[in-house]
Protein backbone atom coordinates (compact mmCIF):
# COMPACT_ATOMS: atom_id res chain seq x y z
CA MET A 1 48.97 70.52 71.14
CA ASP A 2 48.61 66.99 72.45
CA TYR A 3 49.20 66.76 76.19
CA GLY A 4 47.95 63.99 78.41
CA PRO A 5 46.68 64.16 81.97
CA ASP A 6 49.95 62.86 83.39
CA ASP A 7 52.30 65.11 81.40
CA GLN A 8 54.52 67.76 82.91
CA ILE A 9 55.44 71.19 81.54
CA ASP A 10 58.10 70.96 78.84
CA ARG A 11 60.14 74.17 78.95
CA GLU A 12 61.66 73.37 75.54
CA ALA A 13 58.29 72.93 73.78
CA PRO A 14 57.07 75.51 71.25
CA GLU A 15 53.81 76.00 73.19
CA ALA A 16 53.77 78.51 76.03
CA PRO A 17 53.66 77.01 79.54
CA TYR A 18 50.13 78.35 80.13
CA GLU A 19 48.93 76.57 76.96
CA GLN A 20 50.58 73.34 78.09
CA LEU A 21 48.99 73.57 81.53
CA ALA A 22 45.57 74.31 80.03
CA ALA A 23 45.91 71.20 77.83
CA ILE A 24 47.00 69.07 80.80
CA LEU A 25 44.11 70.31 82.96
CA ARG A 26 41.70 69.79 80.04
CA ALA A 27 42.93 66.19 79.75
CA ARG A 28 42.56 65.64 83.50
CA ILE A 29 38.99 66.97 83.39
CA SER A 30 38.18 64.70 80.43
CA ARG A 31 39.67 61.72 82.26
CA GLY A 32 37.44 62.46 85.24
CA ASP A 33 40.09 63.40 87.80
CA TRP A 34 37.60 65.95 89.15
CA ALA A 35 33.84 65.49 89.05
CA PRO A 36 31.59 68.25 87.72
CA ARG A 37 30.90 70.95 90.32
CA ARG A 38 33.93 69.85 92.36
CA ALA A 39 36.98 71.99 93.02
CA ILE A 40 40.27 71.54 91.23
CA PRO A 41 43.50 72.10 93.19
CA SER A 42 44.17 75.67 94.30
CA GLU A 43 46.30 78.03 92.24
CA ALA A 44 49.06 77.67 94.83
CA ALA A 45 48.91 73.87 94.60
CA LEU A 46 49.04 73.99 90.78
CA CYS A 47 52.00 76.40 90.96
CA GLU A 48 53.85 73.96 93.20
CA LEU A 49 52.87 70.84 91.23
CA TYR A 50 53.83 72.20 87.82
CA LYS A 51 56.59 74.62 88.94
CA LEU A 52 54.88 77.62 87.36
CA SER A 53 54.23 81.18 88.46
CA ARG A 54 50.80 82.22 89.69
CA PRO A 55 50.14 84.49 86.65
CA THR A 56 50.84 81.53 84.34
CA VAL A 57 48.43 79.28 86.28
CA ARG A 58 45.80 82.02 86.30
CA ARG A 59 46.11 82.43 82.54
CA SER A 60 45.59 78.68 82.06
CA ILE A 61 42.53 78.72 84.31
CA ALA A 62 41.15 81.78 82.49
CA ALA A 63 41.46 79.94 79.17
CA LEU A 64 39.48 76.98 80.55
CA VAL A 65 36.88 79.32 82.06
CA ALA A 66 36.49 80.95 78.63
CA GLU A 67 35.95 77.48 77.12
CA GLY A 68 33.27 76.75 79.70
CA ARG A 69 35.19 73.86 81.29
CA LEU A 70 35.78 75.62 84.61
CA PHE A 71 34.07 78.30 86.67
CA VAL A 72 35.35 80.40 89.56
CA VAL A 73 33.49 81.10 92.79
CA HIS A 74 35.23 83.80 94.81
CA PRO A 75 36.55 83.08 97.45
CA ARG A 76 35.72 79.34 97.29
CA GLY A 77 37.92 78.30 94.38
CA THR A 78 37.81 76.99 90.83
CA PHE A 79 35.34 74.25 89.93
CA VAL A 80 34.72 71.89 87.02
CA ALA A 81 31.70 72.97 84.99
CA GLU A 82 28.86 70.63 84.09
CA ARG A 83 29.58 68.98 80.76
CA VAL A 84 27.59 70.73 78.08
CA ASP A 85 27.36 67.61 75.89
CA GLN A 86 25.68 65.69 78.74
CA ALA A 87 22.83 68.14 79.14
CA GLU A 88 19.50 66.80 77.95
CA PRO A 89 17.67 68.89 75.38
CA ARG A 90 14.70 70.77 76.76
CA ASP A 91 11.25 70.43 75.26
CA SER A 92 9.86 73.66 73.86
């Protein structure tokens, strides 16, 4: 699944819309659209932007939370996680 940060949801694609949105958001995070520890757009804003239902957007966000790319702070929103590969190794 190769989606870029500027792609839209393709309703004719073999991938489910939530998978497409997760790939698009992943690409936007990688590009640096949102800095680590900064909020991404709200679920409602993502629903409007990508013309998807709230459960679909939530499923995409849940996939990225499971990957460690996002984290949720209730009721503040969804935030970009610190990049794991940028962390410096700790001395033992």
